[in-house]
Amino acid sequence: MRRARPSDAAALTRIAHAAKRHWRYPEEWIALWRDALTITPWLVERAPVYCAEDGGAVVGFYALSGGPPMMELEHCWVLPAVIGRGLGARLLDHAAAIHRTT
């Protein structure tokens, strides 16, 4: 797990879109969610955004919003290829730990 960098934004956006498509939402809905699923360098610079890598490639991430004492999980996505390997649970555990220590 590492802090995301602004240069990761495009990869994080691809992961969010791929994960949402995995659940077979209609493309019209995906289009409606495009902005909400777009991770910008600005967001990565200003919010706690962490990503998980496998073999040097980013395969999942989460983003928190708000600040102590009330933070919210805004994003938590993993590539469909790694669903079922416990990565989502590890991301959530990491997010909870970051929240506790912030």
N, C-alpha and C. Protein backbone atom coordinates (compact mmCIF):
# COMPACT_ATOMS: atom_id res chain seq x y z
N MET A 1 0.86 -1.17 0.00
CA MET A 1 0.00 0.00 0.00
C MET A 1 0.91 1.22 0.00
N ARG A 2 0.59 2.17 -0.85
CA ARG A 2 1.37 3.41 -0.88
C ARG A 2 0.44 4.59 -1.16
N ARG A 3 0.91 5.75 -0.80
CA ARG A 3 0.17 6.97 -1.11
C ARG A 3 0.17 7.14 -2.62
N ALA A 4 -0.99 7.45 -3.17
CA ALA A 4 -1.09 7.67 -4.61
C ALA A 4 -0.39 8.98 -4.97
N ARG A 5 0.09 9.04 -6.21
CA ARG A 5 0.73 10.23 -6.74
C ARG A 5 -0.19 10.85 -7.80
N PRO A 6 -0.08 12.15 -8.03
CA PRO A 6 -0.90 12.76 -9.09
C PRO A 6 -0.75 12.04 -10.43
N SER A 7 0.42 11.53 -10.71
CA SER A 7 0.64 10.81 -11.98
C SER A 7 -0.13 9.49 -12.05
N ASP A 8 -0.68 9.02 -10.93
CA ASP A 8 -1.49 7.80 -10.91
C ASP A 8 -2.95 8.06 -11.30
N ALA A 9 -3.35 9.31 -11.41
CA ALA A 9 -4.77 9.65 -11.56
C ALA A 9 -5.43 8.93 -12.73
N ALA A 10 -4.79 8.87 -13.88
CA ALA A 10 -5.40 8.21 -15.04
C ALA A 10 -5.59 6.72 -14.78
N ALA A 11 -4.61 6.08 -14.17
CA ALA A 11 -4.73 4.65 -13.85
C ALA A 11 -5.84 4.41 -12.84
N LEU A 12 -5.95 5.28 -11.85
CA LEU A 12 -7.00 5.14 -10.85
C LEU A 12 -8.38 5.31 -11.48
N THR A 13 -8.49 6.23 -12.40
CA THR A 13 -9.76 6.43 -13.12
C THR A 13 -10.11 5.18 -13.92
N ARG A 14 -9.13 4.59 -14.60
CA ARG A 14 -9.39 3.35 -15.36
C ARG A 14 -9.86 2.23 -14.44
N ILE A 15 -9.25 2.13 -13.28
CA ILE A 15 -9.65 1.09 -12.32
C ILE A 15 -11.09 1.32 -11.87
N ALA A 16 -11.44 2.54 -11.52
CA ALA A 16 -12.81 2.84 -11.07
C ALA A 16 -13.83 2.49 -12.15
N HIS A 17 -13.55 2.86 -13.39
CA HIS A 17 -14.47 2.55 -14.48
C HIS A 17 -14.56 1.04 -14.72
N ALA A 18 -13.42 0.37 -14.73
CA ALA A 18 -13.43 -1.09 -14.96
C ALA A 18 -14.19 -1.81 -13.86
N ALA A 19 -13.99 -1.38 -12.62
CA ALA A 19 -14.67 -2.03 -11.50
C ALA A 19 -16.18 -1.81 -11.60
N LYS A 20 -16.60 -0.62 -11.94
CA LYS A 20 -18.04 -0.34 -12.07
C LYS A 20 -18.63 -1.15 -13.22
N ARG A 21 -17.91 -1.25 -14.34
CA ARG A 21 -18.40 -2.03 -15.48
C ARG A 21 -18.49 -3.52 -15.14
N HIS A 22 -17.63 -3.98 -14.26
CA HIS A 22 -17.63 -5.40 -13.89
C HIS A 22 -19.01 -5.84 -13.41
N TRP A 23 -19.74 -4.95 -12.77
CA TRP A 23 -21.05 -5.29 -12.22
C TRP A 23 -22.16 -5.11 -13.24
N ARG A 24 -21.77 -4.93 -14.50
CA ARG A 24 -22.68 -4.92 -15.66
C ARG A 24 -23.73 -3.81 -15.61
N TYR A 25 -23.34 -2.68 -15.11
CA TYR A 25 -24.23 -1.52 -15.21
C TYR A 25 -24.33 -1.12 -16.67
N PRO A 26 -25.47 -0.60 -17.10
CA PRO A 26 -25.60 -0.15 -18.49
C PRO A 26 -24.61 0.98 -18.79
N GLU A 27 -24.12 1.01 -20.01
CA GLU A 27 -23.15 2.05 -20.39
C GLU A 27 -23.74 3.45 -20.20
N GLU A 28 -25.05 3.59 -20.35
CA GLU A 28 -25.66 4.90 -20.12
C GLU A 28 -25.45 5.35 -18.68
N TRP A 29 -25.51 4.42 -17.75
CA TRP A 29 -25.28 4.75 -16.34
C TRP A 29 -23.81 5.09 -16.11
N ILE A 30 -22.93 4.30 -16.72
CA ILE A 30 -21.49 4.57 -16.59
C ILE A 30 -21.21 5.99 -17.07
N ALA A 31 -21.83 6.37 -18.19
CA ALA A 31 -21.64 7.72 -18.72
C ALA A 31 -22.12 8.77 -17.72
N LEU A 32 -23.23 8.51 -17.05
CA LEU A 32 -23.73 9.44 -16.04
C LEU A 32 -22.77 9.58 -14.86
N TRP A 33 -22.08 8.50 -14.55
CA TRP A 33 -21.16 8.49 -13.40
C TRP A 33 -19.73 8.90 -13.78
N ARG A 34 -19.50 9.24 -15.05
CA ARG A 34 -18.14 9.50 -15.53
C ARG A 34 -17.40 10.49 -14.63
N ASP A 35 -18.00 11.63 -14.35
CA ASP A 35 -17.32 12.62 -13.52
C ASP A 35 -17.05 12.11 -12.11
N ALA A 36 -18.02 11.42 -11.53
CA ALA A 36 -17.85 10.89 -10.17
C ALA A 36 -16.77 9.82 -10.10
N LEU A 37 -16.56 9.11 -11.21
CA LEU A 37 -15.55 8.04 -11.26
C LEU A 37 -14.19 8.53 -11.75
N THR A 38 -14.08 9.80 -12.07
CA THR A 38 -12.82 10.36 -12.56
C THR A 38 -11.99 10.85 -11.39
N ILE A 39 -10.80 10.31 -11.29
CA ILE A 39 -9.86 10.70 -10.24
C ILE A 39 -8.88 11.69 -10.85
N THR A 40 -8.83 12.86 -10.29
CA THR A 40 -7.98 13.92 -10.85
C THR A 40 -6.68 14.04 -10.06
N PRO A 41 -5.63 14.57 -10.70
CA PRO A 41 -4.41 14.84 -9.95
C PRO A 41 -4.68 15.77 -8.76
N TRP A 42 -5.60 16.71 -8.93
CA TRP A 42 -5.96 17.63 -7.85
C TRP A 42 -6.45 16.87 -6.63
N LEU A 43 -7.34 15.88 -6.84
CA LEU A 43 -7.85 15.07 -5.73
C LEU A 43 -6.72 14.31 -5.05
N VAL A 44 -5.86 13.71 -5.85
CA VAL A 44 -4.76 12.91 -5.29
C VAL A 44 -3.82 13.78 -4.45
N GLU A 45 -3.62 15.02 -4.86
CA GLU A 45 -2.75 15.92 -4.11
C GLU A 45 -3.36 16.37 -2.79
N ARG A 46 -4.68 16.44 -2.72
CA ARG A 46 -5.33 17.06 -1.58
C ARG A 46 -6.04 16.11 -0.62
N ALA A 47 -6.28 14.89 -1.04
CA ALA A 47 -7.03 13.95 -0.20
C ALA A 47 -6.17 12.73 0.10
N PRO A 48 -6.49 12.03 1.17
CA PRO A 48 -5.81 10.76 1.41
C PRO A 48 -6.27 9.74 0.35
N VAL A 49 -5.40 9.47 -0.61
CA VAL A 49 -5.66 8.48 -1.66
C VAL A 49 -4.50 7.49 -1.60
N TYR A 50 -4.84 6.23 -1.42
CA TYR A 50 -3.82 5.18 -1.32
C TYR A 50 -4.11 4.11 -2.36
N CYS A 51 -3.04 3.52 -2.88
CA CYS A 51 -3.23 2.48 -3.89
C CYS A 51 -2.42 1.24 -3.54
N ALA A 52 -2.89 0.14 -4.09
CA ALA A 52 -2.23 -1.16 -3.93
C ALA A 52 -1.64 -1.55 -5.27
N GLU A 53 -0.47 -2.13 -5.23
CA GLU A 53 0.21 -2.55 -6.45
C GLU A 53 0.41 -4.06 -6.45
N ASP A 54 0.51 -4.58 -7.65
CA ASP A 54 0.85 -5.99 -7.85
C ASP A 54 1.84 -6.02 -9.00
N GLY A 55 3.05 -6.43 -8.72
CA GLY A 55 4.07 -6.45 -9.75
C GLY A 55 4.38 -5.07 -10.32
N GLY A 56 4.25 -4.04 -9.51
CA GLY A 56 4.53 -2.68 -9.94
C GLY A 56 3.38 -1.96 -10.60
N ALA A 57 2.27 -2.66 -10.83
CA ALA A 57 1.09 -2.05 -11.45
C ALA A 57 0.04 -1.77 -10.39
N VAL A 58 -0.60 -0.63 -10.48
CA VAL A 58 -1.68 -0.29 -9.55
C VAL A 58 -2.90 -1.14 -9.88
N VAL A 59 -3.43 -1.85 -8.88
CA VAL A 59 -4.57 -2.75 -9.09
C VAL A 59 -5.79 -2.39 -8.24
N GLY A 60 -5.64 -1.42 -7.36
CA GLY A 60 -6.76 -1.00 -6.52
C GLY A 60 -6.40 0.26 -5.77
N PHE A 61 -7.43 0.94 -5.27
CA PHE A 61 -7.18 2.17 -4.52
C PHE A 61 -8.40 2.55 -3.70
N TYR A 62 -8.17 3.48 -2.78
CA TYR A 62 -9.28 4.11 -2.07
C TYR A 62 -8.95 5.58 -1.88
N ALA A 63 -10.00 6.37 -1.64
CA ALA A 63 -9.84 7.79 -1.35
C ALA A 63 -10.77 8.16 -0.20
N LEU A 64 -10.26 8.95 0.71
CA LEU A 64 -11.05 9.46 1.82
C LEU A 64 -11.33 10.93 1.60
N SER A 65 -12.44 11.40 2.14
CA SER A 65 -12.75 12.83 2.09
C SER A 65 -13.07 13.31 3.50
N GLY A 66 -13.09 14.62 3.64
CA GLY A 66 -13.35 15.18 4.95
C GLY A 66 -12.09 15.20 5.79
N GLY A 67 -12.27 15.39 7.04
CA GLY A 67 -11.14 15.41 7.95
C GLY A 67 -11.59 15.00 9.33
N PRO A 68 -10.63 14.82 10.21
CA PRO A 68 -10.98 14.39 11.55
C PRO A 68 -12.00 15.34 12.17
N PRO A 69 -12.93 14.86 12.91
CA PRO A 69 -13.12 13.46 13.28
C PRO A 69 -14.01 12.70 12.29
N MET A 70 -14.47 13.37 11.23
CA MET A 70 -15.44 12.73 10.33
C MET A 70 -14.86 12.61 8.92
N MET A 71 -14.38 11.44 8.59
CA MET A 71 -13.88 11.18 7.24
C MET A 71 -14.81 10.17 6.59
N GLU A 72 -14.93 10.27 5.27
CA GLU A 72 -15.78 9.35 4.52
C GLU A 72 -14.97 8.64 3.46
N LEU A 73 -15.35 7.41 3.20
CA LEU A 73 -14.74 6.64 2.12
C LEU A 73 -15.44 7.05 0.83
N GLU A 74 -14.74 7.77 -0.04
CA GLU A 74 -15.32 8.24 -1.29
C GLU A 74 -15.17 7.21 -2.41
N HIS A 75 -14.06 6.53 -2.44
CA HIS A 75 -13.77 5.54 -3.48
C HIS A 75 -13.11 4.33 -2.84
N CYS A 76 -13.43 3.18 -3.35
CA CYS A 76 -12.71 1.95 -3.02
C CYS A 76 -12.96 0.99 -4.18
N TRP A 77 -11.96 0.83 -5.02
CA TRP A 77 -12.11 0.06 -6.25
C TRP A 77 -10.92 -0.86 -6.45
N VAL A 78 -11.18 -2.01 -7.01
CA VAL A 78 -10.11 -2.93 -7.42
C VAL A 78 -10.39 -3.40 -8.84
N LEU A 79 -9.33 -3.71 -9.56
CA LEU A 79 -9.50 -4.25 -10.90
C LEU A 79 -10.29 -5.55 -10.84
N PRO A 80 -11.17 -5.78 -11.79
CA PRO A 80 -11.93 -7.04 -11.81
C PRO A 80 -11.04 -8.28 -11.76
N ALA A 81 -9.86 -8.21 -12.34
CA ALA A 81 -8.97 -9.38 -12.36
C ALA A 81 -8.50 -9.79 -10.98
N VAL A 82 -8.57 -8.88 -10.00
CA VAL A 82 -8.10 -9.22 -8.65
C VAL A 82 -9.24 -9.33 -7.63
N ILE A 83 -10.47 -9.22 -8.09
CA ILE A 83 -11.60 -9.41 -7.19
C ILE A 83 -11.57 -10.83 -6.63
N GLY A 84 -11.83 -10.96 -5.35
CA GLY A 84 -11.83 -12.28 -4.70
C GLY A 84 -10.52 -12.66 -4.06
N ARG A 85 -9.53 -11.78 -4.11
CA ARG A 85 -8.22 -12.07 -3.52
C ARG A 85 -8.00 -11.36 -2.18
N GLY A 86 -9.02 -10.70 -1.68
CA GLY A 86 -8.90 -10.03 -0.39
C GLY A 86 -8.35 -8.62 -0.46
N LEU A 87 -8.11 -8.12 -1.66
CA LEU A 87 -7.53 -6.78 -1.79
C LEU A 87 -8.49 -5.71 -1.29
N GLY A 88 -9.77 -5.84 -1.60
CA GLY A 88 -10.75 -4.87 -1.13
C GLY A 88 -10.76 -4.78 0.39
N ALA A 89 -10.70 -5.92 1.05
CA ALA A 89 -10.67 -5.94 2.52
C ALA A 89 -9.40 -5.27 3.04
N ARG A 90 -8.27 -5.51 2.38
CA ARG A 90 -7.02 -4.87 2.81
C ARG A 90 -7.09 -3.35 2.62
N LEU A 91 -7.70 -2.93 1.52
CA LEU A 91 -7.86 -1.48 1.31
C LEU A 91 -8.72 -0.87 2.41
N LEU A 92 -9.82 -1.53 2.74
CA LEU A 92 -10.70 -1.02 3.80
C LEU A 92 -10.00 -1.00 5.15
N ASP A 93 -9.24 -2.05 5.46
CA ASP A 93 -8.48 -2.08 6.72
C ASP A 93 -7.48 -0.93 6.77
N HIS A 94 -6.81 -0.69 5.66
CA HIS A 94 -5.83 0.40 5.60
C HIS A 94 -6.52 1.74 5.78
N ALA A 95 -7.66 1.93 5.12
CA ALA A 95 -8.41 3.18 5.25
C ALA A 95 -8.83 3.41 6.71
N ALA A 96 -9.27 2.36 7.37
CA ALA A 96 -9.66 2.48 8.78
C ALA A 96 -8.47 2.86 9.64
N ALA A 97 -7.31 2.28 9.35
CA ALA A 97 -6.10 2.61 10.12
C ALA A 97 -5.69 4.06 9.88
N ILE A 98 -5.77 4.52 8.65
CA ILE A 98 -5.44 5.92 8.35
C ILE A 98 -6.41 6.85 9.09
N HIS A 99 -7.68 6.50 9.09
CA HIS A 99 -8.67 7.32 9.79
C HIS A 99 -8.36 7.39 11.29
N ARG A 100 -8.00 6.25 11.87
CA ARG A 100 -7.71 6.22 13.31
C ARG A 100 -6.49 7.05 13.67
N THR A 101 -5.53 7.14 12.78
CA THR A 101 -4.28 7.84 13.10
C THR A 101 -4.25 9.27 12.60
N THR A 102 -5.34 9.71 11.97
CA THR A 102 -5.36 11.08 11.43
C THR A 102 -6.03 12.02 12.41
